[in-house]
N, C-alpha and C. Protein backbone atom coordinates (compact mmCIF):
# COMPACT_ATOMS: atom_id res chain seq x y z
N MET A 1 16.69 -20.71 -6.57
CA MET A 1 17.42 -21.25 -7.48
C MET A 1 18.51 -21.50 -8.70
N ASN A 2 18.77 -21.83 -9.72
CA ASN A 2 19.60 -22.51 -10.09
C ASN A 2 19.70 -22.09 -11.70
N THR A 3 20.64 -21.73 -12.49
CA THR A 3 20.60 -20.80 -13.83
C THR A 3 20.24 -22.50 -14.87
N ALA A 4 20.04 -23.45 -14.52
CA ALA A 4 19.38 -24.55 -15.68
C ALA A 4 18.10 -23.82 -16.50
N PRO A 5 17.84 -23.75 -17.57
CA PRO A 5 16.74 -24.22 -17.71
C PRO A 5 15.93 -24.63 -17.24
N SER A 6 14.45 -23.78 -17.56
CA SER A 6 13.68 -24.78 -16.24
C SER A 6 12.30 -24.80 -17.40
N THR A 7 11.12 -25.34 -16.47
CA THR A 7 10.13 -25.91 -16.91
C THR A 7 8.66 -25.54 -16.50
N LEU A 8 7.77 -24.48 -16.50
CA LEU A 8 7.13 -24.24 -15.47
C LEU A 8 5.44 -25.48 -15.62
N ILE A 9 5.57 -26.43 -14.53
CA ILE A 9 5.26 -26.95 -14.14
C ILE A 9 4.09 -27.03 -13.49
N LEU A 10 3.90 -25.94 -12.67
CA LEU A 10 2.68 -25.55 -12.48
C LEU A 10 2.92 -24.70 -11.77
N ASN A 11 1.92 -23.13 -12.21
CA ASN A 11 1.87 -22.34 -11.37
C ASN A 11 1.01 -21.62 -11.02
N ALA A 12 0.67 -19.81 -9.88
CA ALA A 12 -0.28 -20.26 -9.03
C ALA A 12 -1.08 -19.76 -7.79
N GLU A 13 -1.22 -20.43 -9.69
CA GLU A 13 -3.40 -20.08 -9.59
C GLU A 13 -3.75 -21.58 -9.54
N GLN A 14 -3.03 -22.49 -9.80
CA GLN A 14 -3.24 -24.12 -10.30
C GLN A 14 -2.48 -25.18 -8.74
N ILE A 15 -1.81 -24.03 -7.99
CA ILE A 15 -1.05 -24.52 -7.03
C ILE A 15 -2.09 -24.27 -5.81
N HIS A 16 -2.61 -22.90 -5.82
CA HIS A 16 -3.71 -22.83 -5.24
C HIS A 16 -4.45 -23.35 -5.19
N GLN A 17 -4.93 -23.92 -5.61
CA GLN A 17 -6.61 -25.31 -6.44
C GLN A 17 -5.77 -26.17 -6.04
N LYS A 18 -4.36 -27.15 -5.99
CA LYS A 18 -4.35 -28.40 -5.19
C LYS A 18 -4.15 -27.81 -4.07
N ILE A 19 -3.98 -26.71 -3.72
CA ILE A 19 -3.60 -26.69 -1.74
C ILE A 19 -5.87 -26.65 -0.87
N ARG A 20 -5.58 -26.38 -2.06
CA ARG A 20 -7.16 -26.34 -1.99
C ARG A 20 -7.99 -27.96 -1.26
N ARG A 21 -7.62 -28.69 -2.35
CA ARG A 21 -8.33 -29.69 -2.66
C ARG A 21 -7.31 -30.49 -1.59
N ILE A 22 -6.17 -30.67 -0.68
CA ILE A 22 -5.73 -31.17 -0.35
C ILE A 22 -6.49 -30.96 0.42
N ALA A 23 -6.80 -29.99 1.10
CA ALA A 23 -7.48 -29.43 2.40
C ALA A 23 -8.68 -30.22 2.46
N PHE A 24 -9.07 -30.04 0.98
CA PHE A 24 -10.84 -30.96 1.83
C PHE A 24 -10.79 -31.74 1.80
N GLN A 25 -9.77 -32.99 0.99
CA GLN A 25 -9.10 -34.27 1.06
C GLN A 25 -8.16 -34.80 3.11
N ILE A 26 -8.29 -33.20 3.28
CA ILE A 26 -7.34 -33.66 5.06
C ILE A 26 -9.30 -33.53 5.95
N TYR A 27 -9.47 -32.12 5.54
CA TYR A 27 -10.96 -32.27 6.53
C TYR A 27 -12.22 -34.06 5.97
N GLU A 28 -12.07 -34.41 4.97
CA GLU A 28 -13.49 -34.93 4.58
C GLU A 28 -12.74 -36.37 5.77
N ASN A 29 -11.04 -36.82 4.98
CA ASN A 29 -10.91 -37.91 6.52
C ASN A 29 -10.93 -37.23 7.53
N ASN A 30 -10.97 -36.12 8.27
CA ASN A 30 -10.92 -35.82 9.62
C ASN A 30 -11.33 -35.56 10.06
N PHE A 31 -12.82 -34.67 9.03
CA PHE A 31 -13.83 -33.83 10.37
C PHE A 31 -14.57 -34.68 11.45
N GLU A 32 -14.30 -35.85 11.89
CA GLU A 32 -15.36 -35.77 13.31
C GLU A 32 -14.10 -36.16 14.14
N GLU A 33 -12.45 -35.21 14.03
CA GLU A 33 -12.05 -34.31 15.41
C GLU A 33 -12.01 -33.58 15.69
N ASN A 34 -11.08 -32.93 16.95
CA ASN A 34 -11.44 -32.31 17.05
C ASN A 34 -10.21 -30.65 17.08
N SER A 35 -9.34 -31.52 16.25
CA SER A 35 -7.88 -30.47 16.36
C SER A 35 -6.72 -31.09 15.09
N LEU A 36 -6.38 -30.77 14.28
CA LEU A 36 -5.29 -31.51 14.20
C LEU A 36 -3.66 -30.66 14.10
N LEU A 37 -3.07 -30.95 13.87
CA LEU A 37 -1.61 -30.50 14.10
C LEU A 37 -0.53 -30.70 12.88
N LEU A 38 -0.67 -30.14 11.64
CA LEU A 38 0.41 -29.29 10.79
C LEU A 38 0.82 -29.39 11.45
N ALA A 39 2.83 -30.48 10.86
CA ALA A 39 4.11 -30.00 10.87
C ALA A 39 4.73 -29.74 10.04
N GLY A 40 5.60 -28.67 9.34
CA GLY A 40 5.56 -29.27 8.22
C GLY A 40 7.21 -29.02 8.22
N ILE A 41 7.62 -29.18 7.03
CA ILE A 41 8.94 -29.02 7.18
C ILE A 41 9.33 -28.29 6.20
N SER A 42 10.79 -27.87 7.41
CA SER A 42 11.25 -25.69 7.38
C SER A 42 11.62 -26.06 5.85
N GLY A 43 11.44 -24.87 5.58
CA GLY A 43 11.64 -24.52 4.18
C GLY A 43 9.86 -24.68 2.89
N GLU A 44 9.74 -24.48 2.64
CA GLU A 44 8.45 -24.97 1.17
C GLU A 44 7.58 -25.27 2.10
N GLY A 45 8.02 -26.65 3.00
CA GLY A 45 7.38 -27.78 3.86
C GLY A 45 5.50 -26.84 4.39
N TYR A 46 7.05 -25.53 4.88
CA TYR A 46 6.31 -25.20 6.04
C TYR A 46 5.65 -23.32 6.33
N VAL A 47 5.57 -23.66 4.49
CA VAL A 47 5.14 -22.27 4.20
C VAL A 47 3.71 -23.45 3.25
N LEU A 48 4.07 -24.83 3.12
CA LEU A 48 2.47 -25.24 2.76
C LEU A 48 1.83 -26.06 3.57
N ALA A 49 2.78 -26.03 4.43
CA ALA A 49 1.88 -25.43 6.13
C ALA A 49 0.76 -25.38 6.24
N GLN A 50 1.19 -23.80 6.40
CA GLN A 50 1.24 -22.86 6.58
C GLN A 50 -0.42 -21.90 5.55
N ALA A 51 -0.39 -22.44 4.36
CA ALA A 51 -1.37 -22.39 3.29
C ALA A 51 -2.17 -23.00 3.81
N LEU A 52 -2.25 -24.50 4.17
CA LEU A 52 -3.06 -25.30 4.04
C LEU A 52 -4.18 -25.52 5.23
N ALA A 53 -3.03 -24.71 6.37
CA ALA A 53 -3.67 -25.18 7.29
C ALA A 53 -5.10 -23.10 7.53
N ARG A 54 -4.57 -22.11 6.30
CA ARG A 54 -5.20 -21.03 5.83
C ARG A 54 -5.84 -21.94 5.11
N GLU A 55 -6.45 -22.17 4.10
CA GLU A 55 -7.60 -23.18 3.81
C GLU A 55 -8.24 -23.58 4.77
N LEU A 56 -8.34 -24.56 5.97
CA LEU A 56 -8.68 -25.81 6.68
C LEU A 56 -10.03 -24.82 7.56
N LYS A 57 -8.98 -23.37 8.23
CA LYS A 57 -9.33 -22.14 8.58
C LYS A 57 -10.76 -22.23 8.56
N THR A 58 -11.37 -22.21 6.35
CA THR A 58 -12.13 -21.50 5.44
C THR A 58 -13.47 -22.62 5.15
N ILE A 59 -13.14 -23.59 5.81
CA ILE A 59 -13.99 -25.09 5.82
C ILE A 59 -13.49 -26.17 6.61
N ALA A 60 -13.22 -26.03 7.58
CA ALA A 60 -13.52 -27.25 8.94
C ALA A 60 -13.67 -26.57 10.26
N PRO A 61 -14.73 -27.10 10.96
CA PRO A 61 -14.63 -25.62 12.59
C PRO A 61 -13.39 -26.74 14.10
N PHE A 62 -12.81 -27.95 12.86
CA PHE A 62 -11.85 -28.34 14.32
C PHE A 62 -10.77 -26.82 14.00
N SER A 63 -9.91 -26.57 15.23
CA SER A 63 -8.23 -26.00 15.19
C SER A 63 -7.67 -26.58 14.71
N ILE A 64 -6.34 -25.91 13.75
CA ILE A 64 -5.70 -25.74 12.78
C ILE A 64 -3.98 -25.73 13.80
N ASN A 65 -3.34 -26.66 14.49
CA ASN A 65 -2.27 -25.79 15.38
C ASN A 65 -1.26 -26.21 13.85
N LEU A 66 0.13 -25.16 13.95
CA LEU A 66 0.90 -25.19 12.97
C LEU A 66 2.63 -25.74 13.74
N LEU A 67 3.11 -26.15 13.83
CA LEU A 67 5.25 -26.33 14.40
C LEU A 67 5.53 -26.76 12.62
N GLN A 68 6.97 -26.38 12.66
CA GLN A 68 7.89 -26.12 12.10
C GLN A 68 9.38 -27.17 12.83
N LEU A 69 8.86 -27.92 11.47
CA LEU A 69 9.76 -29.34 12.38
C LEU A 69 11.26 -28.56 11.08
N ASN A 70 13.20 -28.53 12.20
CA ASN A 70 13.55 -27.85 10.99
C ASN A 70 14.69 -28.98 12.14
N PHE A 71 15.58 -29.51 10.86
CA PHE A 71 16.37 -30.57 11.21
C PHE A 71 17.01 -29.87 9.49
N ASP A 72 18.78 -30.50 9.99
CA ASP A 72 19.36 -30.64 8.76
C ASP A 72 19.12 -31.86 7.68
N LYS A 73 18.33 -32.21 6.60
CA LYS A 73 17.90 -32.52 5.54
C LYS A 73 19.22 -33.62 4.22
N ALA A 74 20.20 -32.55 4.64
CA ALA A 74 21.72 -33.40 4.08
C ALA A 74 22.11 -34.25 4.87
N GLN A 75 21.72 -34.46 5.87
CA GLN A 75 22.53 -35.29 7.17
C GLN A 75 21.85 -36.62 6.62
N THR A 76 22.24 -37.71 6.98
CA THR A 76 22.90 -38.83 5.74
C THR A 76 22.13 -40.19 7.32
N THR A 77 22.34 -39.82 8.15
CA THR A 77 21.22 -40.81 9.41
C THR A 77 20.28 -39.76 10.05
N GLN A 78 19.42 -40.20 10.91
CA GLN A 78 18.37 -40.06 10.87
C GLN A 78 18.77 -38.20 12.19
N PRO A 79 18.44 -37.43 11.90
CA PRO A 79 18.91 -35.97 12.60
C PRO A 79 17.98 -35.53 13.09
N THR A 80 18.55 -34.53 14.43
CA THR A 80 18.16 -34.59 15.69
C THR A 80 16.86 -33.64 15.24
N ILE A 81 15.84 -33.77 14.83
CA ILE A 81 14.69 -33.01 14.81
C ILE A 81 14.66 -31.69 16.67
N GLN A 82 14.32 -30.41 15.93
CA GLN A 82 13.92 -29.27 16.71
C GLN A 82 12.61 -28.97 16.02
N SER A 83 11.71 -28.57 17.75
CA SER A 83 10.36 -27.80 16.87
C SER A 83 10.35 -26.60 18.52
N ASP A 84 9.62 -26.36 17.93
CA ASP A 84 8.73 -25.02 18.23
C ASP A 84 8.18 -25.63 19.16
N LEU A 85 7.47 -26.51 19.52
CA LEU A 85 6.24 -27.30 20.47
C LEU A 85 6.60 -28.46 21.35
N PRO A 86 6.81 -28.07 22.34
CA PRO A 86 7.13 -29.54 23.02
C PRO A 86 6.21 -30.53 22.71
N THR A 87 6.48 -32.05 23.29
CA THR A 87 6.40 -33.64 21.98
C THR A 87 4.80 -33.88 22.68
N THR A 88 4.71 -33.25 24.76
CA THR A 88 3.89 -33.79 24.62
C THR A 88 2.20 -32.89 23.92
N ASP A 89 2.43 -31.67 23.24
CA ASP A 89 0.94 -31.91 22.76
C ASP A 89 1.00 -32.31 21.97
N TYR A 90 1.13 -33.06 20.79
CA TYR A 90 1.12 -33.56 19.73
C TYR A 90 0.83 -35.12 20.90
N SER A 91 0.23 -35.59 21.38
CA SER A 91 -0.54 -36.38 22.23
C SER A 91 -1.99 -36.71 21.86
N ASN A 92 -2.74 -37.66 21.17
CA ASN A 92 -3.73 -37.62 21.18
C ASN A 92 -4.18 -37.25 19.80
N THR A 93 -3.07 -36.87 18.84
CA THR A 93 -3.92 -35.40 17.52
C THR A 93 -3.53 -36.45 16.80
N VAL A 94 -4.42 -35.76 16.01
CA VAL A 94 -4.44 -36.36 14.78
C VAL A 94 -2.82 -34.91 14.04
N VAL A 95 -1.61 -35.46 13.71
CA VAL A 95 -0.69 -35.16 13.00
C VAL A 95 -0.54 -35.49 11.87
N ILE A 96 -0.07 -34.17 10.95
CA ILE A 96 -0.11 -34.31 8.86
C ILE A 96 0.56 -33.83 8.90
N VAL A 97 2.56 -35.00 8.71
CA VAL A 97 3.76 -34.11 8.49
C VAL A 97 3.49 -33.63 6.89
N VAL A 98 3.44 -32.19 6.52
CA VAL A 98 3.89 -31.93 5.19
C VAL A 98 5.30 -31.36 4.63
N ASP A 99 4.98 -31.47 3.83
CA ASP A 99 6.39 -31.29 3.46
C ASP A 99 6.32 -30.48 1.58
N ASP A 100 6.68 -30.57 0.45
CA ASP A 100 7.22 -30.41 -0.95
C ASP A 100 6.86 -30.76 -2.07
N VAL A 101 7.87 -31.67 -1.86
CA VAL A 101 7.77 -32.09 -2.77
C VAL A 101 8.50 -34.57 -2.25
N LEU A 102 7.94 -34.80 -1.93
CA LEU A 102 7.99 -36.37 -1.71
C LEU A 102 8.99 -36.89 -3.75
N TYR A 103 9.94 -37.10 -2.31
CA TYR A 103 11.10 -37.93 -3.70
C TYR A 103 11.77 -39.83 -3.03
N THR A 104 12.21 -39.39 -2.90
CA THR A 104 12.99 -40.80 -2.82
C THR A 104 11.91 -40.98 -0.66
N GLY A 105 11.74 -40.94 -0.55
CA GLY A 105 11.32 -40.21 0.98
C GLY A 105 11.68 -40.05 2.16
N ARG A 106 12.92 -40.14 2.01
CA ARG A 106 13.78 -39.90 3.42
C ARG A 106 14.25 -38.50 4.41
N THR A 107 13.58 -37.43 4.19
CA THR A 107 13.15 -36.46 4.45
C THR A 107 11.94 -36.90 5.20
N LEU A 108 10.68 -36.94 5.04
CA LEU A 108 9.99 -37.86 5.37
C LEU A 108 9.53 -38.42 6.85
N ALA A 109 10.73 -39.89 5.80
CA ALA A 109 10.79 -40.25 7.35
C ALA A 109 11.72 -40.09 7.99
N PHE A 110 12.37 -39.18 8.06
CA PHE A 110 13.23 -39.04 8.97
C PHE A 110 12.25 -37.73 10.32
N SER A 111 11.58 -37.40 9.30
CA SER A 111 10.91 -36.10 9.79
C SER A 111 9.01 -37.34 10.50
N LEU A 112 9.16 -38.10 10.70
CA LEU A 112 8.17 -38.94 11.93
C LEU A 112 8.40 -39.13 13.05
N GLN A 113 10.31 -38.70 12.68
CA GLN A 113 11.26 -39.07 14.40
C GLN A 113 9.96 -39.43 15.69
N PRO A 114 9.39 -38.14 15.78
CA PRO A 114 9.03 -37.32 16.61
C PRO A 114 7.87 -37.75 17.24
N PHE A 115 7.22 -38.69 16.40
CA PHE A 115 5.46 -38.84 16.45
C PHE A 115 5.97 -40.18 16.97
N LEU A 116 7.20 -40.81 16.33
CA LEU A 116 6.24 -42.42 16.82
C LEU A 116 6.37 -42.79 18.10
N ASN A 117 7.72 -42.57 18.95
CA ASN A 117 7.10 -42.39 20.47
C ASN A 117 5.88 -41.68 21.05
N LEU A 118 5.12 -41.12 20.94
CA LEU A 118 3.61 -40.37 20.95
C LEU A 118 2.25 -41.09 20.92
N SER A 119 1.92 -41.16 21.77
CA SER A 119 0.13 -41.37 21.09
C SER A 119 -0.52 -40.17 20.40
N VAL A 120 0.27 -40.54 19.52
CA VAL A 120 -0.89 -39.16 18.64
C VAL A 120 -2.36 -40.60 17.46
N ARG A 121 -3.15 -40.00 17.29
CA ARG A 121 -4.35 -40.66 16.83
C ARG A 121 -4.39 -41.12 15.79
N LYS A 122 -3.34 -40.03 14.95
CA LYS A 122 -3.23 -40.63 13.49
C LYS A 122 -2.42 -39.21 12.89
N LEU A 123 -1.30 -40.75 12.37
CA LEU A 123 0.63 -40.04 11.28
C LEU A 123 -0.38 -40.49 9.87
N GLN A 124 -0.84 -38.60 9.45
CA GLN A 124 -0.45 -38.45 8.09
C GLN A 124 0.25 -37.91 7.47
N VAL A 125 1.30 -38.15 5.94
CA VAL A 125 1.68 -37.46 5.06
C VAL A 125 0.82 -36.38 3.85
N ALA A 126 1.11 -35.33 3.51
CA ALA A 126 0.52 -34.02 2.97
C ALA A 126 1.47 -33.78 1.98
N VAL A 127 1.99 -33.50 0.65
CA VAL A 127 2.87 -33.91 -0.59
C VAL A 127 2.41 -32.56 -1.67
N LEU A 128 2.72 -31.70 -1.52
CA LEU A 128 2.31 -31.23 -2.54
C LEU A 128 3.06 -31.71 -3.88
N ILE A 129 3.68 -32.12 -4.64
CA ILE A 129 4.61 -32.33 -5.59
C ILE A 129 4.70 -34.40 -5.27
N ASP A 130 4.25 -35.42 -5.87
CA ASP A 130 4.76 -36.55 -5.56
C ASP A 130 5.60 -36.98 -6.54
N ARG A 131 7.32 -37.58 -6.71
CA ARG A 131 8.29 -37.33 -7.56
C ARG A 131 8.21 -38.37 -8.36
N ASN A 132 6.87 -40.10 -7.50
CA ASN A 132 7.42 -41.29 -7.28
C ASN A 132 9.39 -41.87 -8.13
N HIS A 133 9.44 -42.14 -6.76
CA HIS A 133 10.60 -42.22 -6.48
C HIS A 133 11.12 -42.45 -5.44
N PRO A 134 10.65 -43.67 -5.05
CA PRO A 134 10.77 -43.96 -3.09
C PRO A 134 11.87 -44.94 -3.56
N ARG A 135 12.43 -44.95 -1.94
CA ARG A 135 13.09 -45.67 -1.81
C ARG A 135 13.25 -46.46 -0.05
N TYR A 136 12.27 -45.46 0.51
CA TYR A 136 12.05 -45.48 1.58
C TYR A 136 10.55 -45.50 1.95
N PRO A 137 9.47 -46.59 3.25
CA PRO A 137 8.53 -46.80 3.18
C PRO A 137 7.97 -46.06 3.43
N VAL A 138 7.70 -45.26 3.12
CA VAL A 138 6.32 -43.25 3.69
C VAL A 138 6.16 -42.92 1.68
N ALA A 139 5.14 -43.01 2.41
CA ALA A 139 4.32 -42.87 1.64
C ALA A 139 3.31 -41.73 1.38
N ALA A 140 2.61 -40.26 1.05
CA ALA A 140 1.51 -39.82 0.80
C ALA A 140 0.12 -39.41 0.74
N ASP A 141 -0.68 -39.79 2.21
CA ASP A 141 -1.13 -39.89 2.34
C ASP A 141 -2.50 -38.71 1.31
N TYR A 142 -1.44 -37.56 1.44
CA TYR A 142 -2.11 -36.31 0.13
C TYR A 142 -1.65 -35.68 -0.81
N LYS A 143 -1.98 -36.27 -2.24
CA LYS A 143 -1.01 -35.42 -3.26
C LYS A 143 -1.59 -34.43 -3.85
N GLY A 144 -0.93 -33.51 -4.20
CA GLY A 144 -1.58 -32.04 -5.14
C GLY A 144 -0.92 -32.38 -6.32
N TYR A 145 -0.23 -33.81 -6.39
CA TYR A 145 0.37 -33.97 -7.93
C TYR A 145 1.26 -34.53 -8.60
N GLU A 146 1.32 -35.93 -8.72
CA GLU A 146 2.24 -37.08 -8.83
C GLU A 146 2.85 -36.68 -10.26
N LEU A 147 4.31 -36.01 -10.82
CA LEU A 147 4.96 -36.06 -11.22
C LEU A 147 6.12 -36.98 -11.45
N SER A 148 5.69 -38.37 -12.33
CA SER A 148 7.10 -39.44 -13.52
C SER A 148 8.23 -38.31 -13.75
N THR A 149 8.97 -38.06 -12.55
CA THR A 149 10.18 -37.88 -13.07
C THR A 149 11.95 -38.29 -13.35
N THR A 150 13.14 -37.94 -14.19
CA THR A 150 13.66 -38.43 -13.53
C THR A 150 14.71 -38.56 -12.97
N LEU A 151 16.39 -40.01 -12.11
CA LEU A 151 16.54 -39.36 -11.21
C LEU A 151 17.30 -37.81 -11.28
N THR A 152 17.83 -37.29 -13.01
CA THR A 152 18.42 -37.13 -12.80
C THR A 152 17.40 -34.92 -12.85
N GLU A 153 16.77 -35.27 -13.21
CA GLU A 153 15.67 -33.90 -13.27
C GLU A 153 15.19 -34.03 -11.05
N HIS A 154 14.83 -32.25 -11.14
CA HIS A 154 14.78 -31.50 -10.62
C HIS A 154 13.81 -30.62 -10.09
N VAL A 155 13.00 -31.26 -9.57
CA VAL A 155 11.86 -29.72 -8.75
C VAL A 155 12.42 -29.20 -8.34
N ASP A 156 12.07 -28.22 -8.47
CA ASP A 156 11.28 -26.73 -7.28
C ASP A 156 10.73 -25.97 -7.14
N VAL A 157 10.22 -26.62 -5.60
CA VAL A 157 9.13 -25.18 -5.59
C VAL A 157 9.53 -24.71 -4.84
N ILE A 158 8.86 -23.42 -5.55
CA ILE A 158 8.40 -22.03 -4.60
C ILE A 158 7.04 -21.54 -4.07
N LEU A 159 7.23 -20.92 -2.86
CA LEU A 159 5.93 -20.91 -2.83
C LEU A 159 5.95 -19.72 -1.95
N SER A 160 7.07 -19.07 -1.21
CA SER A 160 7.63 -17.83 0.03
C SER A 160 7.53 -16.58 -1.39
N ASP A 161 7.75 -17.25 -2.51
CA ASP A 161 8.73 -15.72 -3.42
C ASP A 161 6.80 -15.39 -4.36
N GLU A 162 5.73 -14.68 -3.61
CA GLU A 162 4.94 -14.12 -5.57
C GLU A 162 4.87 -13.92 -6.21
N LYS A 163 6.69 -13.27 -6.73
CA LYS A 163 6.01 -12.69 -8.08
C LYS A 163 7.12 -14.70 -8.31
N GLN A 164 7.59 -15.09 -8.11
CA GLN A 164 8.06 -16.14 -8.51
C GLN A 164 7.41 -18.24 -8.56
N THR A 165 6.31 -17.66 -7.70
CA THR A 165 5.44 -18.31 -7.12
C THR A 165 4.94 -19.90 -7.98
N GLY A 166 5.90 -21.19 -7.95
CA GLY A 166 5.21 -21.41 -9.01
C GLY A 166 6.53 -22.85 -8.42
N VAL A 167 5.68 -24.09 -9.40
CA VAL A 167 6.42 -25.58 -9.54
C VAL A 167 7.47 -24.92 -10.79
N TYR A 168 8.58 -26.05 -10.48
CA TYR A 168 9.96 -26.14 -11.63
C TYR A 168 10.70 -27.30 -12.04
N LEU A 169 10.56 -27.41 -13.33
CA LEU A 169 11.44 -28.32 -13.60
C LEU A 169 12.91 -28.53 -13.89
N ARG A 170 13.75 -28.75 -13.48
CA ARG A 170 14.76 -28.35 -14.87
C ARG A 170 15.56 -29.91 -13.97
């Protein structure tokens, strides 16, 4: 995190509550399924996917698979996306792409690419923070928190460091 002054938006307990609520929403919308694939975008998006998987395992009877999507988020055109499962493993499955923050939608739009040529049952998006600055036609089906920000503000989500877990605005 950068040294600019930060404001705590969500603490660890509040983040856990948001994750639990998203997990219940996912279960409610997919209760008839046999399995789900949570595809977390590398970094905090994958950490969020892992947390959602843990919560879903406590409430849902279906199996939950995790997938990490790795690509260069700074690239301005569609990057090559690496994953740790073969593409045939997603066919006829509900896929939920997970990221920490939805800002313009570019990262999420890029992350949908591996699933667009497959016969997935549903393709959904879950984010912890929705910043409400859409530039791409991507919306989150599941949101932990909507936060209207200016274009110059930055949102940091820290899930992988227990001592600093939180959502910060700077």
